[in-house]
Amino acid sequence: MSIEFKRNLAVFREVVSVEEAEGLLEWLQKKPTAKVDLGACVHLHPANLQVLMAAKPVIQTWPTDAQLRVWLESALVAH
């Protein structure tokens, strides 16, 4: 799995596929104060982005990949 769920932190690694979206949604629904670490993520399927947009968790670490970071910040940071 590309998402490691810790106590109150979801750590995204490498390529996060569509198959991960349902588990992510369920976990975030149970953890309303959860944080997300996207530091090691290199690709995020749009289904997971939709889950993050709906749940609005705190992003603890943004991706190191500059293009992915810009894309995700534009979708997840309130303006």
N, C-alpha and C. Protein backbone atom coordinates (compact mmCIF):
# COMPACT_ATOMS: atom_id res chain seq x y z
N MET A 1 0.84 -1.20 0.00
CA MET A 1 0.00 0.00 0.00
C MET A 1 0.87 1.25 0.00
N SER A 2 0.39 2.24 -0.67
CA SER A 2 1.14 3.49 -0.79
C SER A 2 0.81 4.49 0.30
N ILE A 3 -0.17 4.17 1.13
CA ILE A 3 -0.49 5.03 2.26
C ILE A 3 -0.29 4.22 3.54
N GLU A 4 0.54 4.75 4.41
CA GLU A 4 0.74 4.11 5.72
C GLU A 4 -0.05 4.91 6.74
N PHE A 5 -0.95 4.24 7.42
CA PHE A 5 -1.78 4.90 8.42
C PHE A 5 -1.17 4.70 9.79
N LYS A 6 -0.79 5.79 10.41
CA LYS A 6 -0.25 5.76 11.76
C LYS A 6 -1.36 6.25 12.69
N ARG A 7 -1.05 6.51 13.93
CA ARG A 7 -2.06 6.90 14.90
C ARG A 7 -2.96 8.03 14.39
N ASN A 8 -2.36 9.15 14.03
CA ASN A 8 -3.15 10.30 13.56
C ASN A 8 -2.50 10.94 12.33
N LEU A 9 -1.76 10.10 11.58
CA LEU A 9 -1.03 10.61 10.42
C LEU A 9 -1.10 9.59 9.29
N ALA A 10 -1.45 10.07 8.10
CA ALA A 10 -1.42 9.24 6.90
C ALA A 10 -0.20 9.66 6.09
N VAL A 11 0.70 8.71 5.87
CA VAL A 11 1.94 8.99 5.14
C VAL A 11 1.81 8.43 3.72
N PHE A 12 1.84 9.30 2.75
CA PHE A 12 1.72 8.92 1.34
C PHE A 12 3.11 8.69 0.77
N ARG A 13 3.28 7.55 0.08
CA ARG A 13 4.58 7.21 -0.51
C ARG A 13 4.42 6.85 -1.98
N GLU A 14 5.36 7.32 -2.78
CA GLU A 14 5.43 6.98 -4.20
C GLU A 14 4.12 7.28 -4.94
N VAL A 15 3.59 6.28 -5.65
CA VAL A 15 2.37 6.44 -6.46
C VAL A 15 1.16 5.97 -5.65
N VAL A 16 0.23 6.87 -5.41
CA VAL A 16 -0.98 6.55 -4.65
C VAL A 16 -2.11 6.37 -5.66
N SER A 17 -2.59 5.13 -5.78
CA SER A 17 -3.53 4.78 -6.84
C SER A 17 -4.99 4.93 -6.42
N VAL A 18 -5.88 4.75 -7.38
CA VAL A 18 -7.31 4.87 -7.14
C VAL A 18 -7.79 3.86 -6.10
N GLU A 19 -7.15 2.70 -6.04
CA GLU A 19 -7.57 1.66 -5.09
C GLU A 19 -7.43 2.10 -3.64
N GLU A 20 -6.65 3.12 -3.38
CA GLU A 20 -6.40 3.60 -2.01
C GLU A 20 -7.47 4.58 -1.53
N ALA A 21 -8.26 5.13 -2.43
CA ALA A 21 -9.18 6.22 -2.08
C ALA A 21 -10.23 5.82 -1.05
N GLU A 22 -10.83 4.66 -1.20
CA GLU A 22 -11.88 4.26 -0.26
C GLU A 22 -11.34 4.08 1.15
N GLY A 23 -10.19 3.43 1.27
CA GLY A 23 -9.57 3.24 2.59
C GLY A 23 -9.18 4.57 3.21
N LEU A 24 -8.68 5.49 2.39
CA LEU A 24 -8.32 6.82 2.87
C LEU A 24 -9.56 7.55 3.40
N LEU A 25 -10.64 7.50 2.65
CA LEU A 25 -11.87 8.15 3.07
C LEU A 25 -12.37 7.59 4.40
N GLU A 26 -12.41 6.28 4.52
CA GLU A 26 -12.86 5.66 5.77
C GLU A 26 -11.98 6.06 6.94
N TRP A 27 -10.67 6.06 6.74
CA TRP A 27 -9.74 6.42 7.81
C TRP A 27 -9.93 7.88 8.23
N LEU A 28 -10.05 8.78 7.25
CA LEU A 28 -10.22 10.19 7.57
C LEU A 28 -11.56 10.47 8.25
N GLN A 29 -12.59 9.71 7.93
CA GLN A 29 -13.88 9.88 8.59
C GLN A 29 -13.79 9.50 10.07
N LYS A 30 -12.93 8.54 10.38
CA LYS A 30 -12.75 8.10 11.77
C LYS A 30 -11.78 8.99 12.53
N LYS A 31 -10.99 9.76 11.80
CA LYS A 31 -9.93 10.59 12.40
C LYS A 31 -10.10 12.05 11.96
N PRO A 32 -11.06 12.77 12.51
CA PRO A 32 -11.32 14.13 12.04
C PRO A 32 -10.16 15.11 12.28
N THR A 33 -9.24 14.78 13.17
CA THR A 33 -8.09 15.67 13.41
C THR A 33 -6.82 15.14 12.76
N ALA A 34 -6.96 14.23 11.83
CA ALA A 34 -5.81 13.60 11.18
C ALA A 34 -4.98 14.60 10.38
N LYS A 35 -3.71 14.24 10.22
CA LYS A 35 -2.79 15.01 9.40
C LYS A 35 -2.29 14.11 8.29
N VAL A 36 -1.78 14.75 7.24
CA VAL A 36 -1.31 14.02 6.06
C VAL A 36 0.12 14.45 5.74
N ASP A 37 0.95 13.46 5.47
CA ASP A 37 2.34 13.68 5.05
C ASP A 37 2.45 13.26 3.59
N LEU A 38 2.62 14.22 2.71
CA LEU A 38 2.73 13.97 1.27
C LEU A 38 4.17 14.04 0.78
N GLY A 39 5.12 14.15 1.68
CA GLY A 39 6.52 14.38 1.33
C GLY A 39 7.10 13.41 0.33
N ALA A 40 6.79 12.12 0.45
CA ALA A 40 7.37 11.11 -0.43
C ALA A 40 6.45 10.73 -1.60
N CYS A 41 5.34 11.43 -1.74
CA CYS A 41 4.39 11.13 -2.81
C CYS A 41 4.90 11.72 -4.13
N VAL A 42 4.84 10.91 -5.20
CA VAL A 42 5.25 11.40 -6.51
C VAL A 42 4.08 11.46 -7.50
N HIS A 43 2.99 10.76 -7.17
CA HIS A 43 1.78 10.80 -8.00
C HIS A 43 0.58 10.49 -7.12
N LEU A 44 -0.46 11.28 -7.27
CA LEU A 44 -1.68 11.10 -6.49
C LEU A 44 -2.85 10.99 -7.45
N HIS A 45 -3.54 9.87 -7.43
CA HIS A 45 -4.71 9.70 -8.30
C HIS A 45 -5.77 10.74 -7.90
N PRO A 46 -6.46 11.33 -8.86
CA PRO A 46 -7.47 12.35 -8.55
C PRO A 46 -8.55 11.90 -7.56
N ALA A 47 -8.85 10.62 -7.49
CA ALA A 47 -9.84 10.16 -6.50
C ALA A 47 -9.36 10.44 -5.08
N ASN A 48 -8.07 10.29 -4.85
CA ASN A 48 -7.52 10.59 -3.53
C ASN A 48 -7.51 12.09 -3.28
N LEU A 49 -7.27 12.86 -4.33
CA LEU A 49 -7.34 14.31 -4.19
C LEU A 49 -8.75 14.73 -3.79
N GLN A 50 -9.75 14.13 -4.40
CA GLN A 50 -11.14 14.45 -4.05
C GLN A 50 -11.42 14.13 -2.58
N VAL A 51 -10.90 13.02 -2.10
CA VAL A 51 -11.07 12.67 -0.69
C VAL A 51 -10.42 13.73 0.19
N LEU A 52 -9.22 14.14 -0.15
CA LEU A 52 -8.52 15.16 0.64
C LEU A 52 -9.26 16.50 0.59
N MET A 53 -9.80 16.84 -0.57
CA MET A 53 -10.55 18.09 -0.69
C MET A 53 -11.81 18.07 0.17
N ALA A 54 -12.47 16.92 0.24
CA ALA A 54 -13.70 16.81 1.03
C ALA A 54 -13.41 16.77 2.53
N ALA A 55 -12.38 16.02 2.91
CA ALA A 55 -12.10 15.83 4.34
C ALA A 55 -11.34 17.01 4.96
N LYS A 56 -10.57 17.72 4.14
CA LYS A 56 -9.81 18.89 4.58
C LYS A 56 -8.88 18.61 5.77
N PRO A 57 -8.07 17.56 5.68
CA PRO A 57 -7.13 17.32 6.77
C PRO A 57 -5.99 18.33 6.73
N VAL A 58 -5.27 18.46 7.82
CA VAL A 58 -4.09 19.31 7.86
C VAL A 58 -2.99 18.61 7.07
N ILE A 59 -2.36 19.34 6.15
CA ILE A 59 -1.24 18.79 5.40
C ILE A 59 0.02 19.12 6.20
N GLN A 60 0.61 18.10 6.78
CA GLN A 60 1.80 18.29 7.61
C GLN A 60 3.04 18.52 6.76
N THR A 61 3.16 17.76 5.66
CA THR A 61 4.31 17.87 4.77
C THR A 61 3.83 17.81 3.33
N TRP A 62 4.25 18.78 2.54
CA TRP A 62 3.90 18.83 1.12
C TRP A 62 4.90 18.00 0.32
N PRO A 63 4.54 17.57 -0.89
CA PRO A 63 5.45 16.78 -1.71
C PRO A 63 6.75 17.54 -2.02
N THR A 64 7.84 16.79 -2.13
CA THR A 64 9.10 17.41 -2.52
C THR A 64 9.13 17.69 -4.02
N ASP A 65 8.32 16.97 -4.78
CA ASP A 65 8.20 17.21 -6.22
C ASP A 65 7.48 18.55 -6.42
N ALA A 66 8.17 19.51 -7.02
CA ALA A 66 7.65 20.88 -7.13
C ALA A 66 6.34 20.96 -7.92
N GLN A 67 6.24 20.25 -9.03
CA GLN A 67 5.02 20.31 -9.84
C GLN A 67 3.83 19.71 -9.10
N LEU A 68 4.05 18.60 -8.44
CA LEU A 68 2.96 17.98 -7.67
C LEU A 68 2.55 18.89 -6.52
N ARG A 69 3.52 19.50 -5.87
CA ARG A 69 3.20 20.41 -4.76
C ARG A 69 2.33 21.57 -5.23
N VAL A 70 2.68 22.19 -6.34
CA VAL A 70 1.90 23.32 -6.86
C VAL A 70 0.48 22.87 -7.17
N TRP A 71 0.34 21.72 -7.81
CA TRP A 71 -0.98 21.19 -8.17
C TRP A 71 -1.81 20.94 -6.92
N LEU A 72 -1.21 20.30 -5.92
CA LEU A 72 -1.96 19.98 -4.71
C LEU A 72 -2.27 21.22 -3.88
N GLU A 73 -1.32 22.12 -3.76
CA GLU A 73 -1.58 23.35 -3.00
C GLU A 73 -2.71 24.15 -3.63
N SER A 74 -2.75 24.18 -4.96
CA SER A 74 -3.80 24.96 -5.62
C SER A 74 -5.18 24.36 -5.33
N ALA A 75 -5.24 23.07 -5.10
CA ALA A 75 -6.52 22.41 -4.84
C ALA A 75 -6.86 22.35 -3.36
N LEU A 76 -5.85 22.31 -2.49
CA LEU A 76 -6.12 22.02 -1.08
C LEU A 76 -5.98 23.21 -0.14
N VAL A 77 -5.35 24.27 -0.59
CA VAL A 77 -5.16 25.43 0.29
C VAL A 77 -6.31 26.41 0.06
N ALA A 78 -6.98 26.77 1.14
CA ALA A 78 -8.10 27.72 1.03
C ALA A 78 -7.58 29.09 0.63
N HIS A 79 -8.28 29.73 -0.27
CA HIS A 79 -7.88 31.06 -0.74
C HIS A 79 -8.74 32.12 -0.14
